[in-house]
């Protein structure tokens, strides 16, 4: 009887392990909603991500929970709005973080994806950009629950040895490290965060990477200087090429059918008018108003593609379900069988049913705050607060100096402000987002936050904010 019981428990454990997928989370940097072929781009070649979309599900309403990198990454990693952790903008130096009322790093003891996956029997890895605090003397990345940590941005913009093409070659390096980690994981399920450096500025593709796009030069392919779109397209295509290499490696290792993959971006595309944007400012937000830093759709709606053969429907374009970065942690825990701490208050919701084919409305609204200046094109300068609930999206300043209401399904570009026609909707949503904003940590707000300014005389002051806050990034 004891032998039978032992065998039963062993088989049950083996079956349970077999049901746990390997999980890869690929996060691009500053890639816009409209930068991939599968999202309608007809200039940039992305055959491998397009194939991923055909083999899985493409979500058209996938949001991040901040319009810049550090807070967006925090939301994916913790399942919580980043303001809970005083992560309001990108992490910079300690002095710059302090001036903006920010923490200097995400505290390692906060429940996160790596530690929770590890508790469920996974071996864990982080490879690539981190930007959750190690630039300002924070804890090492492995302190967050990772068994393996690969090359990251802490190695410098030009990488080990000062290679000027390091960013251009970085995705290849990250994929090499990823494949090595996957192979060494053996039969144990793994959780891998592969967070790329491109297409964030400053882009400097190699001559070989540029060749397919020489026709984009204003003076023709023999013109000596590369054009902005040529540089950007070459960088995105190289990103796609090495992601394709990752997929091929998974297949060769016999792990492709047992692996759940999410591909997304940390925020919308950079604004071409930003001084340090380099050539990354020509990325596409698709049909949406807004770019990086903005709470209009283009700043926070990003690509979202999920593949898991036999589990996630293939060839599906899901345009009804609204998903967000804060949903990633609870969904991971459900799929992997990880227990969430009872005292870890989630801002997202568990959406595994949506991944596996269900199409349903969200049960919780999404909310955003941006308390700093929005540089660049005035058309994209959004109010400070935003809330999305059902088909409605409300943007407003806390003092109600701007109140904008959009039917986000009918008005993708957010041009037709319906606030005066639906006062009852404005009242409901404004009460929700205002109450939420009052729970956020207090801190400085730029004088120009929430204002649509052009830099012309009479516009709100910007000099004070420029001295006080971190440089645009």
Protein backbone atom coordinates (compact mmCIF):
# COMPACT_ATOMS: atom_id res chain seq x y z
CA UNK A 1 0.00 0.00 0.00
CA UNK A 2 2.84 2.36 0.89
CA UNK A 3 4.59 1.60 -2.41
CA UNK A 4 1.37 2.29 -4.31
CA UNK A 5 0.90 5.60 -2.47
CA UNK A 6 4.50 6.63 -3.14
CA UNK A 7 4.12 5.79 -6.84
CA UNK A 8 0.84 7.72 -7.00
CA UNK A 9 2.43 10.80 -5.43
CA UNK A 10 5.41 10.56 -7.76
CA UNK A 11 3.21 10.32 -10.85
CA UNK A 12 1.01 13.16 -9.61
CA UNK A 13 4.06 15.37 -9.09
CA UNK A 14 5.40 14.47 -12.53
CA UNK A 15 2.04 15.23 -14.16
CA UNK A 16 1.84 18.54 -12.30
CA UNK A 17 5.37 19.48 -13.45
CA UNK A 18 4.50 18.55 -17.03
CA UNK A 19 1.56 20.95 -16.95
CA UNK A 20 3.78 23.87 -15.95
CA UNK A 21 4.88 25.66 -19.10
CA UNK A 22 8.23 27.28 -19.52
CA UNK A 23 7.65 31.04 -19.65
CA UNK A 24 9.51 33.70 -21.62
CA UNK A 25 8.67 37.39 -21.30
CA UNK A 26 10.26 39.46 -24.08
CA UNK A 27 10.01 43.21 -23.50
CA UNK A 28 11.20 45.65 -26.16
CA UNK A 29 12.18 49.22 -25.29
CA UNK A 30 10.26 52.16 -26.83
CA UNK A 31 8.67 50.00 -29.54
CA UNK A 32 5.40 51.52 -30.74
CA UNK A 33 2.05 49.84 -31.35
CA UNK A 34 2.51 50.29 -35.09
CA UNK A 35 6.14 49.21 -35.50
CA UNK A 36 5.54 45.54 -36.43
CA UNK A 37 4.25 44.07 -39.66
CA UNK A 38 1.53 42.17 -37.82
CA UNK A 39 0.27 45.52 -36.47
CA UNK A 40 0.14 47.03 -39.95
CA UNK A 41 3.65 48.40 -40.55
CA UNK A 42 4.57 48.18 -44.23
CA UNK A 43 8.11 49.56 -44.01
CA UNK A 44 9.81 47.54 -41.28
CA UNK A 45 10.37 43.80 -41.82
CA UNK A 46 9.51 41.71 -38.76
CA UNK A 47 8.87 38.20 -40.13
CA UNK A 48 9.56 36.32 -36.91
CA UNK A 49 7.23 38.35 -34.70
CA UNK A 50 4.65 38.28 -37.48
CA UNK A 51 4.96 34.47 -37.45
CA UNK A 52 4.58 34.47 -33.66
CA UNK A 53 1.31 36.38 -34.09
CA UNK A 54 0.08 33.82 -36.63
CA UNK A 55 0.98 31.00 -34.26
CA UNK A 56 -0.60 32.71 -31.26
CA UNK A 57 -2.88 35.59 -30.34
CA UNK A 58 -2.36 39.28 -31.08
CA UNK A 59 -4.05 41.70 -28.69
CA UNK A 60 -4.99 45.10 -30.07
CA UNK A 61 -5.91 46.57 -26.65
CA UNK A 62 -2.81 45.76 -24.60
CA UNK A 63 -1.71 48.50 -22.20
CA UNK A 64 1.28 49.23 -20.03
CA UNK A 65 0.71 51.00 -16.72
CA UNK A 66 3.05 53.91 -17.27
CA UNK A 67 4.29 55.91 -20.23
CA UNK A 68 8.01 55.44 -19.48
CA UNK A 69 10.24 52.50 -18.70
CA UNK A 70 10.91 52.05 -14.95
CA UNK A 71 7.31 52.34 -13.72
CA UNK A 72 6.04 50.25 -16.63
CA UNK A 73 8.48 47.45 -15.75
CA UNK A 74 7.53 47.63 -12.09
CA UNK A 75 3.87 47.02 -12.98
CA UNK A 76 4.68 43.88 -14.99
CA UNK A 77 7.00 42.61 -12.27
CA UNK A 78 4.78 43.23 -9.22
CA UNK A 79 1.17 43.30 -10.48
CA UNK A 80 0.82 46.70 -8.82
CA UNK A 81 0.64 50.29 -10.00
CA UNK A 82 4.20 51.65 -9.82
CA UNK A 83 3.23 54.71 -7.79
CA UNK A 84 2.70 52.37 -4.81
CA UNK A 85 6.48 52.07 -4.83
CA UNK A 86 7.16 55.75 -5.56
CA UNK A 87 8.26 54.92 -9.08
CA UNK A 88 6.73 57.81 -11.02
CA UNK A 89 9.30 58.21 -13.81
CA UNK A 90 12.48 56.57 -15.03
CA UNK A 91 15.15 55.83 -12.44
CA UNK A 92 18.18 58.10 -12.78
CA UNK A 93 20.77 59.29 -10.24
CA UNK A 94 19.92 59.44 -6.55
CA UNK A 95 19.82 63.23 -6.67
CA UNK A 96 17.44 63.23 -9.63
CA UNK A 97 15.23 60.56 -8.09
CA UNK A 98 15.05 62.48 -4.80
CA UNK A 99 14.16 65.70 -6.61
CA UNK A 100 11.16 63.96 -8.19
CA UNK A 101 9.94 62.40 -4.95
CA UNK A 102 10.89 58.92 -6.14
CA UNK A 103 12.41 55.89 -4.49
CA UNK A 104 15.84 54.86 -5.73
CA UNK A 105 14.98 51.25 -6.48
CA UNK A 106 12.20 48.72 -6.19
CA UNK A 107 12.56 47.01 -2.83
CA UNK A 108 13.64 43.36 -3.32
CA UNK A 109 11.26 42.04 -0.66
CA UNK A 110 8.20 43.14 -2.68
CA UNK A 111 6.53 40.01 -4.11
CA UNK A 112 7.52 39.76 -7.76
CA UNK A 113 7.37 37.48 -10.77
CA UNK A 114 10.82 35.95 -10.31
CA UNK A 115 10.45 35.08 -6.64
CA UNK A 116 6.91 33.72 -7.06
CA UNK A 117 7.90 31.59 -10.06
CA UNK A 118 10.82 30.27 -8.07
CA UNK A 119 8.45 29.29 -5.25
CA UNK A 120 6.47 27.28 -7.81
CA UNK A 121 9.52 25.22 -8.81
CA UNK A 122 10.86 27.34 -11.66
CA UNK A 123 14.46 28.25 -12.36
CA UNK A 124 14.58 31.96 -13.14
CA UNK A 125 16.66 34.34 -15.25
CA UNK A 126 16.81 38.00 -16.16
CA UNK A 127 18.76 39.02 -19.26
CA UNK A 128 18.95 42.53 -20.71
CA UNK A 129 17.67 45.88 -19.55
CA UNK A 130 16.58 46.11 -15.91
CA UNK A 131 16.09 49.79 -14.96
CA UNK A 132 14.45 49.05 -11.63
CA UNK A 133 17.19 50.65 -9.63
CA UNK A 134 20.73 49.41 -10.14
CA UNK A 135 21.79 52.66 -11.84
CA UNK A 136 21.53 54.45 -8.47
CA UNK A 137 23.39 51.93 -6.32
CA UNK A 138 20.45 49.61 -5.75
CA UNK A 139 20.49 45.89 -4.94
CA UNK A 140 21.94 43.49 -7.53
CA UNK A 141 19.39 42.00 -9.88
CA UNK A 142 19.77 38.51 -8.44
CA UNK A 143 18.49 39.86 -5.10
CA UNK A 144 15.00 39.82 -6.63
CA UNK A 145 14.83 36.05 -6.99
CA UNK A 146 16.76 35.30 -10.19
CA UNK A 147 18.99 32.25 -10.41
CA UNK A 148 20.81 33.66 -13.43
CA UNK A 149 21.45 37.26 -14.46
CA UNK A 150 22.92 38.02 -17.86
CA UNK A 151 24.27 41.16 -19.50
CA UNK A 152 22.28 44.28 -18.60
CA UNK A 153 22.34 48.03 -19.12
CA UNK A 154 24.59 48.32 -16.09
CA UNK A 155 27.40 47.18 -18.38
CA UNK A 156 27.15 50.61 -20.00
CA UNK A 157 25.64 52.06 -23.16
CA UNK A 158 28.60 50.77 -25.14
CA UNK A 159 28.82 47.48 -23.29
CA UNK A 160 31.87 45.69 -21.95
CA UNK A 161 35.01 47.01 -23.61
CA UNK A 162 33.33 50.17 -24.93
CA UNK A 163 32.15 48.68 -28.24
CA UNK A 164 30.32 51.51 -30.08
CA UNK A 165 28.09 48.89 -31.70
CA UNK A 166 27.17 47.19 -28.41
CA UNK A 167 23.54 48.36 -28.49
CA UNK A 168 23.28 47.25 -32.12
CA UNK A 169 24.64 43.81 -31.21
CA UNK A 170 22.97 43.57 -27.80
CA UNK A 171 19.94 41.50 -28.83
CA UNK A 172 22.26 38.87 -30.29
CA UNK A 173 24.19 38.78 -26.99
CA UNK A 174 20.98 38.51 -24.97
CA UNK A 175 19.62 35.68 -27.12
CA UNK A 176 22.91 33.76 -26.89
CA UNK A 177 22.72 33.99 -23.09
CA UNK A 178 19.03 33.05 -23.13
CA UNK A 179 19.62 29.90 -25.17
CA UNK A 180 22.47 28.89 -22.87
CA UNK A 181 20.23 29.38 -19.82
CA UNK A 182 17.36 27.42 -21.41
CA UNK A 183 19.64 24.51 -22.28
CA UNK A 184 21.11 24.42 -18.78
CA UNK A 185 17.62 24.44 -17.23
CA UNK A 186 17.22 20.86 -18.43
CA UNK A 187 13.85 19.35 -17.57
CA UNK A 188 13.07 21.95 -14.90
CA UNK A 189 10.51 24.59 -15.91
CA UNK A 190 12.05 28.02 -16.39
CA UNK A 191 10.96 31.65 -16.23
CA UNK A 192 13.01 34.00 -18.41
CA UNK A 193 12.76 37.78 -18.67
CA UNK A 194 14.47 38.91 -21.87
CA UNK A 195 14.26 42.71 -21.88
CA UNK A 196 15.94 44.31 -24.89
CA UNK A 197 17.75 47.65 -25.26
CA UNK A 198 16.37 48.46 -28.71
CA UNK A 199 14.80 50.41 -30.25
CA UNK A 200 15.55 52.91 -27.44
CA UNK A 201 17.96 55.68 -28.40
CA UNK A 202 20.75 56.04 -29.18
CA UNK A 203 20.61 53.67 -32.14
CA UNK A 204 23.76 52.90 -34.09
CA UNK A 205 23.18 49.85 -36.31
CA UNK A 206 26.11 48.18 -38.02
CA UNK A 207 26.67 48.67 -41.77
CA UNK A 208 25.46 45.11 -42.32
CA UNK A 209 22.22 45.77 -40.44
CA UNK A 210 21.62 48.93 -42.48
CA UNK A 211 21.97 47.32 -45.91
CA UNK A 212 18.34 46.16 -46.41
CA UNK A 213 17.05 49.71 -45.80
CA UNK A 214 19.47 51.81 -47.88
CA UNK A 215 16.57 52.67 -50.20
CA UNK A 216 15.08 54.81 -47.42
CA UNK A 217 17.85 57.42 -47.75
CA UNK A 218 16.63 60.76 -49.00
CA UNK A 219 19.36 60.83 -51.66
CA UNK A 220 19.02 57.18 -52.64
CA UNK A 221 21.04 54.16 -51.57
CA UNK A 222 24.36 55.74 -52.61
CA UNK A 223 23.82 58.78 -50.39
CA UNK A 224 26.56 58.68 -47.70
CA UNK A 225 24.40 59.39 -44.65
CA UNK A 226 21.81 57.01 -43.22
CA UNK A 227 18.28 58.36 -42.75
CA UNK A 228 16.39 58.22 -39.44
CA UNK A 229 13.88 55.64 -40.69
CA UNK A 230 16.69 53.55 -42.18
CA UNK A 231 18.42 53.42 -38.80
CA UNK A 232 15.24 52.71 -36.86
CA UNK A 233 14.00 50.02 -39.26
CA UNK A 234 17.39 48.29 -39.29
CA UNK A 235 17.39 48.19 -35.49
CA UNK A 236 13.87 46.74 -35.22
CA UNK A 237 14.56 44.16 -37.92
CA UNK A 238 17.72 43.03 -36.10
CA UNK A 239 15.65 42.69 -32.93
CA UNK A 240 13.20 40.51 -34.86
CA UNK A 241 16.01 38.44 -36.40
CA UNK A 242 17.42 37.39 -33.06
CA UNK A 243 14.02 36.74 -31.54
CA UNK A 244 13.60 34.38 -34.49
CA UNK A 245 16.87 32.74 -33.46
CA UNK A 246 15.48 32.28 -29.95
CA UNK A 247 12.37 30.59 -31.36
CA UNK A 248 14.50 28.31 -33.54
CA UNK A 249 16.67 27.39 -30.56
CA UNK A 250 13.60 26.51 -28.51
CA UNK A 251 12.44 24.22 -31.29
CA UNK A 252 15.84 22.54 -31.57
CA UNK A 253 15.80 21.91 -27.82
CA UNK A 254 12.32 20.42 -28.10
CA UNK A 255 10.83 23.07 -25.81
CA UNK A 256 8.81 25.25 -28.17
CA UNK A 257 5.51 23.46 -27.60
CA UNK A 258 5.91 23.63 -23.82
CA UNK A 259 6.73 27.33 -23.66
CA UNK A 260 4.40 30.28 -23.11
CA UNK A 261 5.84 33.48 -24.63
CA UNK A 262 4.69 37.07 -24.16
CA UNK A 263 6.11 39.81 -26.37
CA UNK A 264 5.41 43.45 -25.56
CA UNK A 265 7.00 46.91 -25.16
CA UNK A 266 7.55 49.08 -22.08
CA UNK A 267 5.85 52.20 -23.53
CA UNK A 268 5.01 53.95 -26.77
CA UNK A 269 7.53 55.30 -29.29
CA UNK A 270 9.83 58.20 -28.58
CA UNK A 271 8.96 61.70 -29.84
CA UNK A 272 11.10 62.87 -32.75
CA UNK A 273 11.44 66.32 -31.14
CA UNK A 274 13.26 65.02 -28.05
CA UNK A 275 16.87 66.16 -28.01
CA UNK A 276 18.38 62.79 -27.09
CA UNK A 277 15.97 60.69 -29.15
CA UNK A 278 18.56 60.04 -31.84
CA UNK A 279 16.82 58.15 -34.62
CA UNK A 280 14.33 56.32 -32.40
CA UNK A 281 11.76 59.12 -32.69
CA UNK A 282 10.38 57.83 -35.99
CA UNK A 283 8.67 54.82 -34.41
CA UNK A 284 4.95 54.41 -35.01
CA UNK A 285 2.11 54.69 -32.50
CA UNK A 286 -0.22 53.37 -35.19
CA UNK A 287 -3.51 55.30 -35.38
CA UNK A 288 -3.19 56.69 -31.87
CA UNK A 289 -2.54 60.14 -30.49
CA UNK A 290 0.31 60.28 -27.98
CA UNK A 291 3.86 59.03 -27.69
CA UNK A 292 6.25 58.17 -24.86
CA UNK A 293 5.42 60.10 -21.63
CA UNK A 294 1.89 60.83 -22.82
CA UNK A 295 -1.24 59.26 -21.32
CA UNK A 296 -2.98 59.41 -24.67
CA UNK A 297 -3.24 55.96 -26.26
CA UNK A 298 0.02 56.11 -28.23
CA UNK A 299 2.04 56.45 -25.04
CA UNK A 300 0.53 53.49 -23.20
CA UNK A 301 -1.06 51.13 -25.75
CA UNK A 302 1.60 48.75 -27.06
CA UNK A 303 2.03 45.45 -28.91
CA UNK A 304 0.92 42.37 -27.00
CA UNK A 305 1.47 38.95 -28.59
CA UNK A 306 1.13 35.62 -26.76
CA UNK A 307 2.06 32.16 -28.02
CA UNK A 308 1.72 28.74 -26.41
CA UNK A 309 1.04 26.01 -29.00
CA UNK A 310 -2.09 24.02 -28.25
CA UNK A 311 -3.15 26.33 -25.41
CA UNK A 312 -3.30 29.89 -26.79
CA UNK A 313 -5.43 30.02 -29.97
CA UNK A 314 -3.40 30.42 -33.13
CA UNK A 315 -4.12 33.13 -35.69
CA UNK A 316 -6.45 35.00 -33.34
CA UNK A 317 -6.68 38.78 -33.31
CA UNK A 318 -8.33 39.75 -30.04
CA UNK A 319 -9.73 43.26 -30.33
CA UNK A 320 -12.30 43.22 -27.51
CA UNK A 321 -10.43 42.20 -24.36
CA UNK A 322 -8.51 44.96 -22.58
CA UNK A 323 -5.30 43.68 -20.97
CA UNK A 324 -2.49 45.41 -19.09
CA UNK A 325 0.95 44.93 -17.60
CA UNK A 326 -0.45 44.63 -14.06
CA UNK A 327 -2.32 41.51 -15.21
CA UNK A 328 0.92 39.64 -15.91
CA UNK A 329 1.80 38.62 -12.34
CA UNK A 330 -1.58 37.20 -11.25
CA UNK A 331 -1.92 35.42 -14.58
CA UNK A 332 1.55 33.89 -14.27
CA UNK A 333 0.77 32.67 -10.79
CA UNK A 334 -2.46 31.03 -11.97
CA UNK A 335 -0.75 29.26 -14.87
CA UNK A 336 2.32 28.18 -12.88
CA UNK A 337 0.46 27.24 -9.70
CA UNK A 338 2.25 29.85 -7.58
CA UNK A 339 0.55 31.09 -4.42
CA UNK A 340 0.24 34.87 -4.15
CA UNK A 341 0.85 36.31 -0.67
CA UNK A 342 -2.44 37.27 0.93
CA UNK A 343 -1.15 40.73 1.82
CA UNK A 344 0.02 41.57 -1.71
CA UNK A 345 -2.73 43.86 -3.02
CA UNK A 346 -3.05 43.42 -6.78
CA UNK A 347 -4.04 46.19 -9.16
CA UNK A 348 -4.33 43.81 -12.10
CA UNK A 349 -6.58 40.84 -12.70
CA UNK A 350 -6.00 37.23 -13.63
CA UNK A 351 -6.64 36.84 -17.38
CA UNK A 352 -5.54 33.30 -18.25
CA UNK A 353 -9.05 32.63 -19.59
CA UNK A 354 -8.56 35.48 -22.07
CA UNK A 355 -5.18 34.09 -23.13
CA UNK A 356 -6.77 30.72 -23.74
CA UNK A 357 -9.55 32.07 -25.95
CA UNK A 358 -12.18 33.85 -23.88
CA UNK A 359 -13.20 37.37 -24.87
CA UNK A 360 -14.69 39.39 -22.03
CA UNK A 361 -14.69 42.88 -20.54
CA UNK A 362 -12.27 43.78 -17.77
CA UNK A 363 -13.60 43.57 -14.25
CA UNK A 364 -11.42 46.47 -13.03
CA UNK A 365 -10.71 49.85 -14.63
CA UNK A 366 -7.15 50.91 -15.45
CA UNK A 367 -5.67 54.16 -14.12
CA UNK A 368 -2.56 56.20 -14.84
CA UNK A 369 -0.76 59.27 -13.52
CA UNK A 370 2.03 61.38 -15.07
CA UNK A 371 3.15 64.25 -12.86
CA UNK A 372 6.01 65.57 -14.98
CA UNK A 373 6.59 67.59 -18.10
CA UNK A 374 5.79 66.00 -21.47
CA UNK A 375 8.42 67.18 -23.90
CA UNK A 376 7.97 67.28 -27.65
CA UNK A 377 4.92 67.78 -29.84
CA UNK A 378 2.17 69.73 -27.93
CA UNK A 379 -0.56 67.62 -29.56
CA UNK A 380 0.57 64.72 -27.36
CA UNK A 381 0.64 66.64 -24.05
CA UNK A 382 -2.00 64.85 -22.02
CA UNK A 383 -3.59 65.76 -18.68
CA UNK A 384 -2.03 64.31 -15.51
CA UNK A 385 -4.58 61.56 -14.79
CA UNK A 386 -6.31 58.95 -16.95
CA UNK A 387 -8.78 56.12 -16.43
CA UNK A 388 -10.04 53.49 -18.89
CA UNK A 389 -13.30 51.74 -18.01
CA UNK A 390 -15.18 49.83 -20.69
CA UNK A 391 -15.27 51.87 -23.90
CA UNK A 392 -14.69 55.14 -22.06
CA UNK A 393 -11.40 56.85 -21.38
CA UNK A 394 -11.27 59.98 -19.23
CA UNK A 395 -8.22 62.24 -18.92
CA UNK A 396 -8.19 65.10 -16.44
CA UNK A 397 -6.05 67.35 -14.28
CA UNK A 398 -6.68 67.19 -10.53
CA UNK A 399 -7.83 70.84 -10.58
CA UNK A 400 -10.15 70.07 -13.55
CA UNK A 401 -8.41 72.65 -15.72
CA UNK A 402 -8.63 69.98 -18.44
CA UNK A 403 -11.30 67.29 -18.63
CA UNK A 404 -11.44 65.05 -21.71
CA UNK A 405 -13.73 62.09 -22.34
CA UNK A 406 -13.40 59.77 -25.32
CA UNK A 407 -15.22 56.75 -26.67
CA UNK A 408 -11.97 54.92 -27.23
CA UNK A 409 -13.47 52.33 -29.57
CA UNK A 410 -14.98 54.85 -31.98
CA UNK A 411 -12.32 57.55 -31.55
CA UNK A 412 -8.88 55.91 -31.68
CA UNK A 413 -7.09 59.23 -32.20
CA UNK A 414 -8.83 60.85 -29.22
CA UNK A 415 -9.95 63.93 -31.13
CA UNK A 416 -13.64 64.19 -30.19
CA UNK A 417 -13.95 65.26 -26.56
CA UNK A 418 -17.39 64.12 -25.34
CA UNK A 419 -17.13 65.44 -21.78
CA UNK A 420 -19.91 68.02 -22.11
CA UNK A 421 -22.25 65.47 -23.72
CA UNK A 422 -21.88 62.79 -21.02
CA UNK A 423 -21.60 64.57 -17.66
CA UNK A 424 -22.75 61.46 -15.80
CA UNK A 425 -19.82 59.44 -17.21
CA UNK A 426 -17.40 62.25 -16.39
CA UNK A 427 -18.70 62.39 -12.83
CA UNK A 428 -18.38 58.66 -12.30
CA UNK A 429 -14.90 58.26 -13.79
CA UNK A 430 -13.48 61.47 -12.36
CA UNK A 431 -14.58 60.42 -8.87
CA UNK A 432 -12.79 57.08 -9.30
CA UNK A 433 -9.52 58.41 -10.65
CA UNK A 434 -9.45 61.34 -8.21
CA UNK A 435 -9.98 59.01 -5.26
CA UNK A 436 -7.20 56.77 -6.56
CA UNK A 437 -4.82 59.72 -7.06
CA UNK A 438 -5.34 60.74 -3.41
CA UNK A 439 -3.95 57.37 -2.32
CA UNK A 440 -0.68 57.91 -4.20
CA UNK A 441 2.46 59.11 -2.43
CA UNK A 442 2.82 62.85 -2.31
CA UNK A 443 5.60 64.43 -4.31
CA UNK A 444 6.52 67.31 -6.60
CA UNK A 445 4.62 67.95 -9.80
CA UNK A 446 6.18 69.88 -12.67
CA UNK A 447 4.67 73.36 -13.19
CA UNK A 448 3.86 72.31 -16.76
CA UNK A 449 2.42 68.89 -15.89
CA UNK A 450 -0.96 68.35 -17.52
CA UNK A 451 -0.70 71.48 -19.65
CA UNK A 452 -0.57 71.66 -23.42
CA UNK A 453 2.37 73.96 -24.05
CA UNK A 454 4.44 74.85 -27.09
CA UNK A 455 7.33 76.65 -25.44
CA UNK A 456 6.03 79.99 -26.72
CA UNK A 457 5.67 83.13 -24.55
CA UNK A 458 2.69 82.85 -22.22
CA UNK A 459 3.01 79.10 -21.80
CA UNK A 460 3.48 77.65 -18.30
CA UNK A 461 7.01 77.84 -16.88
CA UNK A 462 9.32 74.98 -17.74
CA UNK A 463 12.72 76.11 -16.50
CA UNK A 464 12.09 75.18 -12.87
CA UNK A 465 11.05 71.65 -13.79
CA UNK A 466 14.04 71.28 -16.08
CA UNK A 467 16.47 72.14 -13.28
CA UNK A 468 14.63 70.09 -10.71
CA UNK A 469 14.01 66.85 -12.52
CA UNK A 470 16.04 64.28 -14.33
CA UNK A 471 16.89 64.94 -17.96
CA UNK A 472 14.46 63.69 -20.57
CA UNK A 473 14.98 60.01 -21.21
